[in-house]
Amino acid sequence: MATNAALPLTIMIKHIVFFRLLDEAEGLNKLENARIIREGLLSLLDKVEVLREERVGINIPNAKKTDYDICLECVFDTWEDVDIYQNHPEHVKVASYIAKCRSARAAVDYEF
């Protein structure tokens, strides 16, 4: 006999951030900084245990000037893990560099 018992629902957290970069910062152009930022963010996957998945994309060069330049997409198990990630010393290092290079930031965090 079949039952309609619901399977336990696993909720995870998606953290998406967009950065618009300055044309020049830290003595480098926008694309050079975008590549450094991408490498820094991707290195966090091996350094921050609570980070389950991560993708970083650099916008195509001929995109509209109103577009953001970098998209970061992360997955975490819990909201507490998002806080751990954001306060992790390795993340703080990368975020400090990004702060010197960005002109705008937008973010969305949601459960899925």
PDB file of N, CA and C in Angstrom:
ATOM      1  N   MET A   1       0.848  -1.172   0.000  1.00  0.00           N
ATOM      2  CA  MET A   1       0.000   0.000   0.000  1.00  0.00           C
ATOM      3  C   MET A   1       0.899   1.243   0.000  1.00  0.00           C
ATOM      4  N   ALA A   2       0.674   2.159  -0.908  1.00  0.00           N
ATOM      5  CA  ALA A   2       1.454   3.391  -1.026  1.00  0.00           C
ATOM      6  C   ALA A   2       1.007   4.390   0.026  1.00  0.00           C
ATOM      7  N   THR A   3       1.954   5.151   0.504  1.00  0.00           N
ATOM      8  CA  THR A   3       1.621   6.207   1.464  1.00  0.00           C
ATOM      9  C   THR A   3       1.969   7.555   0.859  1.00  0.00           C
ATOM     10  N   ASN A   4       1.354   8.563   1.387  1.00  0.00           N
ATOM     11  CA  ASN A   4       1.624   9.928   0.949  1.00  0.00           C
ATOM     12  C   ASN A   4       2.540  10.645   1.924  1.00  0.00           C
ATOM     13  N   ALA A   5       3.298   9.894   2.701  1.00  0.00           N
ATOM     14  CA  ALA A   5       4.194  10.511   3.672  1.00  0.00           C
ATOM     15  C   ALA A   5       5.239  11.344   2.937  1.00  0.00           C
ATOM     16  N   ALA A   6       5.394  12.546   3.381  1.00  0.00           N
ATOM     17  CA  ALA A   6       6.352  13.451   2.741  1.00  0.00           C
ATOM     18  C   ALA A   6       7.777  13.057   3.127  1.00  0.00           C
ATOM     19  N   LEU A   7       8.643  13.128   2.164  1.00  0.00           N
ATOM     20  CA  LEU A   7      10.053  12.908   2.427  1.00  0.00           C
ATOM     21  C   LEU A   7      10.598  14.128   3.158  1.00  0.00           C
ATOM     22  N   PRO A   8      11.587  13.931   4.000  1.00  0.00           N
ATOM     23  CA  PRO A   8      12.157  15.109   4.672  1.00  0.00           C
ATOM     24  C   PRO A   8      12.715  16.089   3.643  1.00  0.00           C
ATOM     25  N   LEU A   9      12.440  17.339   3.851  1.00  0.00           N
ATOM     26  CA  LEU A   9      12.884  18.386   2.937  1.00  0.00           C
ATOM     27  C   LEU A   9      14.216  18.944   3.415  1.00  0.00           C
ATOM     28  N   THR A  10      15.209  18.886   2.554  1.00  0.00           N
ATOM     29  CA  THR A  10      16.509  19.460   2.880  1.00  0.00           C
ATOM     30  C   THR A  10      16.564  20.854   2.296  1.00  0.00           C
ATOM     31  N   ILE A  11      16.779  21.824   3.149  1.00  0.00           N
ATOM     32  CA  ILE A  11      16.864  23.205   2.704  1.00  0.00           C
ATOM     33  C   ILE A  11      18.324  23.608   2.698  1.00  0.00           C
ATOM     34  N   MET A  12      18.733  24.211   1.615  1.00  0.00           N
ATOM     35  CA  MET A  12      20.087  24.740   1.510  1.00  0.00           C
ATOM     36  C   MET A  12      19.982  26.230   1.228  1.00  0.00           C
ATOM     37  N   ILE A  13      21.111  26.901   1.299  1.00  0.00           N
ATOM     38  CA  ILE A  13      21.157  28.350   1.107  1.00  0.00           C
ATOM     39  C   ILE A  13      21.966  28.659  -0.144  1.00  0.00           C
ATOM     40  N   LYS A  14      21.395  29.493  -1.004  1.00  0.00           N
ATOM     41  CA  LYS A  14      22.102  29.992  -2.188  1.00  0.00           C
ATOM     42  C   LYS A  14      22.454  31.446  -1.912  1.00  0.00           C
ATOM     43  N   HIS A  15      23.722  31.774  -2.118  1.00  0.00           N
ATOM     44  CA  HIS A  15      24.252  33.122  -1.890  1.00  0.00           C
ATOM     45  C   HIS A  15      24.784  33.608  -3.242  1.00  0.00           C
ATOM     46  N   ILE A  16      24.157  34.625  -3.794  1.00  0.00           N
ATOM     47  CA  ILE A  16      24.557  35.150  -5.101  1.00  0.00           C
ATOM     48  C   ILE A  16      24.935  36.618  -4.932  1.00  0.00           C
ATOM     49  N   VAL A  17      26.112  36.965  -5.457  1.00  0.00           N
ATOM     50  CA  VAL A  17      26.595  38.341  -5.345  1.00  0.00           C
ATOM     51  C   VAL A  17      27.083  38.804  -6.712  1.00  0.00           C
ATOM     52  N   PHE A  18      26.741  40.039  -7.042  1.00  0.00           N
ATOM     53  CA  PHE A  18      27.221  40.675  -8.270  1.00  0.00           C
ATOM     54  C   PHE A  18      28.109  41.853  -7.885  1.00  0.00           C
ATOM     55  N   PHE A  19      29.214  41.999  -8.608  1.00  0.00           N
ATOM     56  CA  PHE A  19      30.111  43.124  -8.380  1.00  0.00           C
ATOM     57  C   PHE A  19      30.292  43.899  -9.678  1.00  0.00           C
ATOM     58  N   ARG A  20      30.210  45.213  -9.569  1.00  0.00           N
ATOM     59  CA  ARG A  20      30.599  46.095 -10.674  1.00  0.00           C
ATOM     60  C   ARG A  20      31.961  46.651 -10.284  1.00  0.00           C
ATOM     61  N   LEU A  21      32.925  46.535 -11.189  1.00  0.00           N
ATOM     62  CA  LEU A  21      34.284  46.943 -10.881  1.00  0.00           C
ATOM     63  C   LEU A  21      34.618  48.308 -11.453  1.00  0.00           C
ATOM     64  N   LEU A  22      35.552  48.964 -10.791  1.00  0.00           N
ATOM     65  CA  LEU A  22      36.097  50.220 -11.306  1.00  0.00           C
ATOM     66  C   LEU A  22      36.909  49.928 -12.563  1.00  0.00           C
ATOM     67  N   ASP A  23      37.008  50.899 -13.458  1.00  0.00           N
ATOM     68  CA  ASP A  23      37.804  50.701 -14.674  1.00  0.00           C
ATOM     69  C   ASP A  23      39.261  50.430 -14.348  1.00  0.00           C
ATOM     70  N   GLU A  24      39.763  51.065 -13.276  1.00  0.00           N
ATOM     71  CA  GLU A  24      41.132  50.845 -12.819  1.00  0.00           C
ATOM     72  C   GLU A  24      41.149  50.875 -11.300  1.00  0.00           C
ATOM     73  N   ALA A  25      41.920  49.959 -10.716  1.00  0.00           N
ATOM     74  CA  ALA A  25      42.103  49.922  -9.263  1.00  0.00           C
ATOM     75  C   ALA A  25      43.338  49.093  -8.953  1.00  0.00           C
ATOM     76  N   GLU A  26      44.018  49.455  -7.907  1.00  0.00           N
ATOM     77  CA  GLU A  26      45.210  48.727  -7.489  1.00  0.00           C
ATOM     78  C   GLU A  26      46.244  48.618  -8.614  1.00  0.00           C
ATOM     79  N   GLY A  27      46.267  49.626  -9.493  1.00  0.00           N
ATOM     80  CA  GLY A  27      47.230  49.662 -10.585  1.00  0.00           C
ATOM     81  C   GLY A  27      46.912  48.732 -11.745  1.00  0.00           C
ATOM     82  N   LEU A  28      45.711  48.160 -11.750  1.00  0.00           N
ATOM     83  CA  LEU A  28      45.318  47.205 -12.792  1.00  0.00           C
ATOM     84  C   LEU A  28      44.008  47.621 -13.438  1.00  0.00           C
ATOM     85  N   ASN A  29      43.766  47.113 -14.644  1.00  0.00           N
ATOM     86  CA  ASN A  29      42.504  47.416 -15.307  1.00  0.00           C
ATOM     87  C   ASN A  29      41.404  46.465 -14.817  1.00  0.00           C
ATOM     88  N   LYS A  30      40.197  46.740 -15.235  1.00  0.00           N
ATOM     89  CA  LYS A  30      39.025  45.999 -14.777  1.00  0.00           C
ATOM     90  C   LYS A  30      39.150  44.494 -15.019  1.00  0.00           C
ATOM     91  N   LEU A  31      39.569  44.094 -16.214  1.00  0.00           N
ATOM     92  CA  LEU A  31      39.662  42.666 -16.528  1.00  0.00           C
ATOM     93  C   LEU A  31      40.743  41.984 -15.692  1.00  0.00           C
ATOM     94  N   GLU A  32      41.866  42.661 -15.496  1.00  0.00           N
ATOM     95  CA  GLU A  32      42.927  42.087 -14.669  1.00  0.00           C
ATOM     96  C   GLU A  32      42.441  41.874 -13.237  1.00  0.00           C
ATOM     97  N   ASN A  33      41.743  42.857 -12.707  1.00  0.00           N
ATOM     98  CA  ASN A  33      41.194  42.715 -11.352  1.00  0.00           C
ATOM     99  C   ASN A  33      40.109  41.646 -11.302  1.00  0.00           C
ATOM    100  N   ALA A  34      39.286  41.555 -12.322  1.00  0.00           N
ATOM    101  CA  ALA A  34      38.250  40.528 -12.357  1.00  0.00           C
ATOM    102  C   ALA A  34      38.867  39.135 -12.285  1.00  0.00           C
ATOM    103  N   ARG A  35      39.955  38.938 -12.991  1.00  0.00           N
ATOM    104  CA  ARG A  35      40.631  37.627 -12.975  1.00  0.00           C
ATOM    105  C   ARG A  35      41.244  37.329 -11.608  1.00  0.00           C
ATOM    106  N   ILE A  36      41.851  38.329 -10.987  1.00  0.00           N
ATOM    107  CA  ILE A  36      42.417  38.148  -9.644  1.00  0.00           C
ATOM    108  C   ILE A  36      41.306  37.821  -8.643  1.00  0.00           C
ATOM    109  N   ILE A  37      40.200  38.544  -8.731  1.00  0.00           N
ATOM    110  CA  ILE A  37      39.064  38.318  -7.832  1.00  0.00           C
ATOM    111  C   ILE A  37      38.491  36.923  -8.052  1.00  0.00           C
ATOM    112  N   ARG A  38      38.329  36.532  -9.306  1.00  0.00           N
ATOM    113  CA  ARG A  38      37.806  35.194  -9.607  1.00  0.00           C
ATOM    114  C   ARG A  38      38.699  34.119  -8.994  1.00  0.00           C
ATOM    115  N   GLU A  39      39.996  34.223  -9.188  1.00  0.00           N
ATOM    116  CA  GLU A  39      40.938  33.248  -8.613  1.00  0.00           C
ATOM    117  C   GLU A  39      40.844  33.220  -7.090  1.00  0.00           C
ATOM    118  N   GLY A  40      40.775  34.406  -6.489  1.00  0.00           N
ATOM    119  CA  GLY A  40      40.679  34.487  -5.033  1.00  0.00           C
ATOM    120  C   GLY A  40      39.417  33.838  -4.507  1.00  0.00           C
ATOM    121  N   LEU A  41      38.295  34.129  -5.157  1.00  0.00           N
ATOM    122  CA  LEU A  41      37.024  33.543  -4.721  1.00  0.00           C
ATOM    123  C   LEU A  41      37.026  32.035  -4.907  1.00  0.00           C
ATOM    124  N   LEU A  42      37.499  31.560  -6.038  1.00  0.00           N
ATOM    125  CA  LEU A  42      37.511  30.114  -6.296  1.00  0.00           C
ATOM    126  C   LEU A  42      38.447  29.374  -5.335  1.00  0.00           C
ATOM    127  N   SER A  43      39.485  30.040  -4.870  1.00  0.00           N
ATOM    128  CA  SER A  43      40.403  29.393  -3.919  1.00  0.00           C
ATOM    129  C   SER A  43      39.715  29.106  -2.584  1.00  0.00           C
ATOM    130  N   LEU A  44      38.625  29.799  -2.299  1.00  0.00           N
ATOM    131  CA  LEU A  44      37.933  29.623  -1.026  1.00  0.00           C
ATOM    132  C   LEU A  44      37.264  28.257  -0.911  1.00  0.00           C
ATOM    133  N   LEU A  45      36.963  27.631  -2.020  1.00  0.00           N
ATOM    134  CA  LEU A  45      36.311  26.318  -1.988  1.00  0.00           C
ATOM    135  C   LEU A  45      37.174  25.299  -1.249  1.00  0.00           C
ATOM    136  N   ASP A  46      38.473  25.415  -1.361  1.00  0.00           N
ATOM    137  CA  ASP A  46      39.388  24.501  -0.668  1.00  0.00           C
ATOM    138  C   ASP A  46      39.768  24.974   0.732  1.00  0.00           C
ATOM    139  N   LYS A  47      39.404  26.195   1.074  1.00  0.00           N
ATOM    140  CA  LYS A  47      39.841  26.772   2.346  1.00  0.00           C
ATOM    141  C   LYS A  47      38.729  26.939   3.374  1.00  0.00           C
ATOM    142  N   VAL A  48      37.483  27.024   2.914  1.00  0.00           N
ATOM    143  CA  VAL A  48      36.354  27.268   3.819  1.00  0.00           C
ATOM    144  C   VAL A  48      35.459  26.022   3.795  1.00  0.00           C
ATOM    145  N   GLU A  49      35.513  25.248   4.866  1.00  0.00           N
ATOM    146  CA  GLU A  49      34.844  23.943   4.910  1.00  0.00           C
ATOM    147  C   GLU A  49      33.335  24.003   4.700  1.00  0.00           C
ATOM    148  N   VAL A  50      32.684  25.081   5.115  1.00  0.00           N
ATOM    149  CA  VAL A  50      31.218  25.160   5.020  1.00  0.00           C
ATOM    150  C   VAL A  50      30.736  25.508   3.613  1.00  0.00           C
ATOM    151  N   LEU A  51      31.645  25.869   2.734  1.00  0.00           N
ATOM    152  CA  LEU A  51      31.298  26.223   1.354  1.00  0.00           C
ATOM    153  C   LEU A  51      31.118  24.939   0.550  1.00  0.00           C
ATOM    154  N   ARG A  52      29.877  24.630   0.148  1.00  0.00           N
ATOM    155  CA  ARG A  52      29.565  23.373  -0.538  1.00  0.00           C
ATOM    156  C   ARG A  52      29.818  23.443  -2.045  1.00  0.00           C
ATOM    157  N   GLU A  53      29.388  24.527  -2.670  1.00  0.00           N
ATOM    158  CA  GLU A  53      29.560  24.714  -4.107  1.00  0.00           C
ATOM    159  C   GLU A  53      29.876  26.177  -4.357  1.00  0.00           C
ATOM    160  N   GLU A  54      30.571  26.425  -5.473  1.00  0.00           N
ATOM    161  CA  GLU A  54      30.891  27.805  -5.802  1.00  0.00           C
ATOM    162  C   GLU A  54      31.105  27.929  -7.312  1.00  0.00           C
ATOM    163  N   ARG A  55      30.569  28.992  -7.864  1.00  0.00           N
ATOM    164  CA  ARG A  55      30.796  29.344  -9.266  1.00  0.00           C
ATOM    165  C   ARG A  55      31.089  30.838  -9.323  1.00  0.00           C
ATOM    166  N   VAL A  56      32.038  31.200 -10.160  1.00  0.00           N
ATOM    167  CA  VAL A  56      32.363  32.612 -10.345  1.00  0.00           C
ATOM    168  C   VAL A  56      32.452  32.862 -11.836  1.00  0.00           C
ATOM    169  N   GLY A  57      31.692  33.841 -12.320  1.00  0.00           N
ATOM    170  CA  GLY A  57      31.723  34.190 -13.735  1.00  0.00           C
ATOM    171  C   GLY A  57      32.111  35.638 -13.936  1.00  0.00           C
ATOM    172  N   ILE A  58      32.885  35.852 -14.988  1.00  0.00           N
ATOM    173  CA  ILE A  58      33.246  37.209 -15.403  1.00  0.00           C
ATOM    174  C   ILE A  58      32.395  37.539 -16.620  1.00  0.00           C
ATOM    175  N   ASN A  59      31.745  38.677 -16.583  1.00  0.00           N
ATOM    176  CA  ASN A  59      30.867  39.100 -17.676  1.00  0.00           C
ATOM    177  C   ASN A  59      31.660  39.243 -18.985  1.00  0.00           C
ATOM    178  N   ILE A  60      31.003  38.989 -20.086  1.00  0.00           N
ATOM    179  CA  ILE A  60      31.672  39.085 -21.376  1.00  0.00           C
ATOM    180  C   ILE A  60      32.093  40.530 -21.649  1.00  0.00           C
ATOM    181  N   PRO A  61      33.230  40.725 -22.306  1.00  0.00           N
ATOM    182  CA  PRO A  61      33.784  42.077 -22.492  1.00  0.00           C
ATOM    183  C   PRO A  61      32.866  43.051 -23.239  1.00  0.00           C
ATOM    184  N   ASN A  62      32.066  42.562 -24.178  1.00  0.00           N
ATOM    185  CA  ASN A  62      31.237  43.479 -24.961  1.00  0.00           C
ATOM    186  C   ASN A  62      29.815  43.615 -24.404  1.00  0.00           C
ATOM    187  N   ALA A  63      29.620  43.254 -23.144  1.00  0.00           N
ATOM    188  CA  ALA A  63      28.304  43.392 -22.510  1.00  0.00           C
ATOM    189  C   ALA A  63      28.002  44.872 -22.269  1.00  0.00           C
ATOM    190  N   LYS A  64      26.746  45.162 -21.975  1.00  0.00           N
ATOM    191  CA  LYS A  64      26.346  46.540 -21.691  1.00  0.00           C
ATOM    192  C   LYS A  64      27.120  47.093 -20.511  1.00  0.00           C
ATOM    193  N   LYS A  65      27.431  48.355 -20.560  1.00  0.00           N
ATOM    194  CA  LYS A  65      28.177  49.001 -19.469  1.00  0.00           C
ATOM    195  C   LYS A  65      27.387  49.022 -18.164  1.00  0.00           C
ATOM    196  N   THR A  66      26.069  48.847 -18.246  1.00  0.00           N
ATOM    197  CA  THR A  66      25.252  48.829 -17.034  1.00  0.00           C
ATOM    198  C   THR A  66      25.263  47.462 -16.351  1.00  0.00           C
ATOM    199  N   ASP A  67      25.809  46.444 -17.014  1.00  0.00           N
ATOM    200  CA  ASP A  67      25.891  45.103 -16.423  1.00  0.00           C
ATOM    201  C   ASP A  67      26.921  45.068 -15.299  1.00  0.00           C
ATOM    202  N   TYR A  68      26.764  44.117 -14.421  1.00  0.00           N
ATOM    203  CA  TYR A  68      27.780  43.858 -13.416  1.00  0.00           C
ATOM    204  C   TYR A  68      28.902  43.051 -14.059  1.00  0.00           C
ATOM    205  N   ASP A  69      30.072  43.097 -13.456  1.00  0.00           N
ATOM    206  CA  ASP A  69      31.256  42.484 -14.057  1.00  0.00           C
ATOM    207  C   ASP A  69      31.529  41.063 -13.577  1.00  0.00           C
ATOM    208  N   ILE A  70      31.162  40.759 -12.343  1.00  0.00           N
ATOM    209  CA  ILE A  70      31.432  39.443 -11.763  1.00  0.00           C
ATOM    210  C   ILE A  70      30.174  38.942 -11.073  1.00  0.00           C
ATOM    211  N   CYS A  71      29.930  37.645 -11.211  1.00  0.00           N
ATOM    212  CA  CYS A  71      28.840  36.991 -10.492  1.00  0.00           C
ATOM    213  C   CYS A  71      29.431  35.855  -9.661  1.00  0.00           C
ATOM    214  N   LEU A  72      29.122  35.859  -8.379  1.00  0.00           N
ATOM    215  CA  LEU A  72      29.525  34.797  -7.452  1.00  0.00           C
ATOM    216  C   LEU A  72      28.277  34.050  -7.022  1.00  0.00           C
ATOM    217  N   GLU A  73      28.318  32.737  -7.102  1.00  0.00           N
ATOM    218  CA  GLU A  73      27.194  31.908  -6.673  1.00  0.00           C
ATOM    219  C   GLU A  73      27.724  30.818  -5.755  1.00  0.00           C
ATOM    220  N   CYS A  74      27.236  30.797  -4.508  1.00  0.00           N
ATOM    221  CA  CYS A  74      27.693  29.835  -3.506  1.00  0.00           C
ATOM    222  C   CYS A  74      26.510  29.066  -2.937  1.00  0.00           C
ATOM    223  N   VAL A  75      26.795  27.863  -2.435  1.00  0.00           N
ATOM    224  CA  VAL A  75      25.787  27.045  -1.769  1.00  0.00           C
ATOM    225  C   VAL A  75      26.302  26.659  -0.390  1.00  0.00           C
ATOM    226  N   PHE A  76      25.404  26.786   0.608  1.00  0.00           N
ATOM    227  CA  PHE A  76      25.715  26.453   1.998  1.00  0.00           C
ATOM    228  C   PHE A  76      24.598  25.583   2.559  1.00  0.00           C
ATOM    229  N   ASP A  77      24.917  24.850   3.615  1.00  0.00           N
ATOM    230  CA  ASP A  77      23.912  24.008   4.271  1.00  0.00           C
ATOM    231  C   ASP A  77      22.966  24.811   5.155  1.00  0.00           C
ATOM    232  N   THR A  78      23.493  25.847   5.814  1.00  0.00           N
ATOM    233  CA  THR A  78      22.690  26.602   6.779  1.00  0.00           C
ATOM    234  C   THR A  78      23.019  28.089   6.702  1.00  0.00           C
ATOM    235  N   TRP A  79      22.142  28.894   7.326  1.00  0.00           N
ATOM    236  CA  TRP A  79      22.411  30.335   7.417  1.00  0.00           C
ATOM    237  C   TRP A  79      23.641  30.586   8.273  1.00  0.00           C
ATOM    238  N   GLU A  80      23.850  29.753   9.286  1.00  0.00           N
ATOM    239  CA  GLU A  80      25.036  29.893  10.131  1.00  0.00           C
ATOM    240  C   GLU A  80      26.307  29.698   9.307  1.00  0.00           C
ATOM    241  N   ASP A  81      26.248  28.784   8.341  1.00  0.00           N
ATOM    242  CA  ASP A  81      27.407  28.554   7.477  1.00  0.00           C
ATOM    243  C   ASP A  81      27.725  29.779   6.619  1.00  0.00           C
ATOM    244  N   VAL A  82      26.694  30.506   6.210  1.00  0.00           N
ATOM    245  CA  VAL A  82      26.921  31.744   5.455  1.00  0.00           C
ATOM    246  C   VAL A  82      27.701  32.727   6.321  1.00  0.00           C
ATOM    247  N   ASP A  83      27.311  32.845   7.589  1.00  0.00           N
ATOM    248  CA  ASP A  83      28.026  33.738   8.510  1.00  0.00           C
ATOM    249  C   ASP A  83      29.475  33.281   8.728  1.00  0.00           C
ATOM    250  N   ILE A  84      29.665  31.979   8.879  1.00  0.00           N
ATOM    251  CA  ILE A  84      31.019  31.445   9.049  1.00  0.00           C
ATOM    252  C   ILE A  84      31.865  31.801   7.830  1.00  0.00           C
ATOM    253  N   TYR A  85      31.309  31.607   6.644  1.00  0.00           N
ATOM    254  CA  TYR A  85      32.004  31.930   5.387  1.00  0.00           C
ATOM    255  C   TYR A  85      32.379  33.411   5.340  1.00  0.00           C
ATOM    256  N   GLN A  86      31.408  34.269   5.616  1.00  0.00           N
ATOM    257  CA  GLN A  86      31.650  35.703   5.499  1.00  0.00           C
ATOM    258  C   GLN A  86      32.682  36.216   6.495  1.00  0.00           C
ATOM    259  N   ASN A  87      32.828  35.542   7.629  1.00  0.00           N
ATOM    260  CA  ASN A  87      33.783  35.963   8.647  1.00  0.00           C
ATOM    261  C   ASN A  87      35.084  35.161   8.621  1.00  0.00           C
ATOM    262  N   HIS A  88      35.177  34.189   7.731  1.00  0.00           N
ATOM    263  CA  HIS A  88      36.386  33.373   7.630  1.00  0.00           C
ATOM    264  C   HIS A  88      37.551  34.262   7.187  1.00  0.00           C
ATOM    265  N   PRO A  89      38.724  34.132   7.814  1.00  0.00           N
ATOM    266  CA  PRO A  89      39.869  34.992   7.473  1.00  0.00           C
ATOM    267  C   PRO A  89      40.247  34.972   5.988  1.00  0.00           C
ATOM    268  N   GLU A  90      40.132  33.838   5.337  1.00  0.00           N
ATOM    269  CA  GLU A  90      40.474  33.762   3.912  1.00  0.00           C
ATOM    270  C   GLU A  90      39.459  34.534   3.061  1.00  0.00           C
ATOM    271  N   HIS A  91      38.171  34.462   3.443  1.00  0.00           N
ATOM    272  CA  HIS A  91      37.153  35.234   2.735  1.00  0.00           C
ATOM    273  C   HIS A  91      37.355  36.723   2.968  1.00  0.00           C
ATOM    274  N   VAL A  92      37.695  37.084   4.197  1.00  0.00           N
ATOM    275  CA  VAL A  92      37.918  38.492   4.533  1.00  0.00           C
ATOM    276  C   VAL A  92      39.042  39.073   3.671  1.00  0.00           C
ATOM    277  N   LYS A  93      40.106  38.299   3.433  1.00  0.00           N
ATOM    278  CA  LYS A  93      41.208  38.751   2.574  1.00  0.00           C
ATOM    279  C   LYS A  93      40.711  39.058   1.159  1.00  0.00           C
ATOM    280  N   VAL A  94      39.955  38.120   0.599  1.00  0.00           N
ATOM    281  CA  VAL A  94      39.447  38.319  -0.766  1.00  0.00           C
ATOM    282  C   VAL A  94      38.474  39.488  -0.798  1.00  0.00           C
ATOM    283  N   ALA A  95      37.590  39.551   0.177  1.00  0.00           N
ATOM    284  CA  ALA A  95      36.599  40.635   0.232  1.00  0.00           C
ATOM    285  C   ALA A  95      37.277  41.997   0.363  1.00  0.00           C
ATOM    286  N   SER A  96      38.390  42.055   1.074  1.00  0.00           N
ATOM    287  CA  SER A  96      39.128  43.318   1.216  1.00  0.00           C
ATOM    288  C   SER A  96      39.668  43.788  -0.127  1.00  0.00           C
ATOM    289  N   TYR A  97      40.164  42.851  -0.918  1.00  0.00           N
ATOM    290  CA  TYR A  97      40.652  43.214  -2.248  1.00  0.00           C
ATOM    291  C   TYR A  97      39.488  43.671  -3.130  1.00  0.00           C
ATOM    292  N   ILE A  98      38.383  42.937  -3.075  1.00  0.00           N
ATOM    293  CA  ILE A  98      37.215  43.309  -3.870  1.00  0.00           C
ATOM    294  C   ILE A  98      36.751  44.713  -3.512  1.00  0.00           C
ATOM    295  N   ALA A  99      36.741  45.043  -2.231  1.00  0.00           N
ATOM    296  CA  ALA A  99      36.288  46.360  -1.784  1.00  0.00           C
ATOM    297  C   ALA A  99      37.111  47.485  -2.406  1.00  0.00           C
ATOM    298  N   LYS A 100      38.388  47.238  -2.671  1.00  0.00           N
ATOM    299  CA  LYS A 100      39.246  48.244  -3.298  1.00  0.00           C
ATOM    300  C   LYS A 100      38.970  48.398  -4.789  1.00  0.00           C
ATOM    301  N   CYS A 101      38.328  47.397  -5.389  1.00  0.00           N
ATOM    302  CA  CYS A 101      38.152  47.359  -6.844  1.00  0.00           C
ATOM    303  C   CYS A 101      36.719  47.578  -7.304  1.00  0.00           C
ATOM    304  N   ARG A 102      35.769  47.533  -6.410  1.00  0.00           N
ATOM    305  CA  ARG A 102      34.371  47.567  -6.840  1.00  0.00           C
ATOM    306  C   ARG A 102      33.752  48.950  -6.706  1.00  0.00           C
ATOM    307  N   SER A 103      32.784  49.178  -7.589  1.00  0.00           N
ATOM    308  CA  SER A 103      32.008  50.410  -7.493  1.00  0.00           C
ATOM    309  C   SER A 103      30.583  50.130  -7.042  1.00  0.00           C
ATOM    310  N   ALA A 104      30.162  48.866  -7.139  1.00  0.00           N
ATOM    311  CA  ALA A 104      28.802  48.507  -6.717  1.00  0.00           C
ATOM    312  C   ALA A 104      28.761  47.020  -6.390  1.00  0.00           C
ATOM    313  N   ARG A 105      27.786  46.668  -5.523  1.00  0.00           N
ATOM    314  CA  ARG A 105      27.568  45.280  -5.122  1.00  0.00           C
ATOM    315  C   ARG A 105      26.081  45.064  -4.975  1.00  0.00           C
ATOM    316  N   ALA A 106      25.620  43.906  -5.404  1.00  0.00           N
ATOM    317  CA  ALA A 106      24.231  43.501  -5.199  1.00  0.00           C
ATOM    318  C   ALA A 106      24.233  42.032  -4.801  1.00  0.00           C
ATOM    319  N   ALA A 107      23.340  41.643  -3.894  1.00  0.00           N
ATOM    320  CA  ALA A 107      23.329  40.263  -3.418  1.00  0.00           C
ATOM    321  C   ALA A 107      21.911  39.766  -3.186  1.00  0.00           C
ATOM    322  N   VAL A 108      21.769  38.459  -3.315  1.00  0.00           N
ATOM    323  CA  VAL A 108      20.515  37.775  -2.992  1.00  0.00           C
ATOM    324  C   VAL A 108      20.888  36.494  -2.269  1.00  0.00           C
ATOM    325  N   ASP A 109      20.229  36.235  -1.138  1.00  0.00           N
ATOM    326  CA  ASP A 109      20.384  34.987  -0.406  1.00  0.00           C
ATOM    327  C   ASP A 109      19.002  34.355  -0.297  1.00  0.00           C
ATOM    328  N   TYR A 110      18.902  33.066  -0.636  1.00  0.00           N
ATOM    329  CA  TYR A 110      17.593  32.429  -0.535  1.00  0.00           C
ATOM    330  C   TYR A 110      17.735  30.946  -0.226  1.00  0.00           C
ATOM    331  N   GLU A 111      16.654  30.377   0.294  1.00  0.00           N
ATOM    332  CA  GLU A 111      16.591  28.950   0.586  1.00  0.00           C
ATOM    333  C   GLU A 111      16.067  28.214  -0.634  1.00  0.00           C
ATOM    334  N   PHE A 112      16.593  27.019  -0.835  1.00  0.00           N
ATOM    335  CA  PHE A 112      16.072  26.179  -1.934  1.00  0.00           C
ATOM    336  C   PHE A 112      16.089  24.727  -1.515  1.00  0.00           C
TER     337      PHE A 112
END
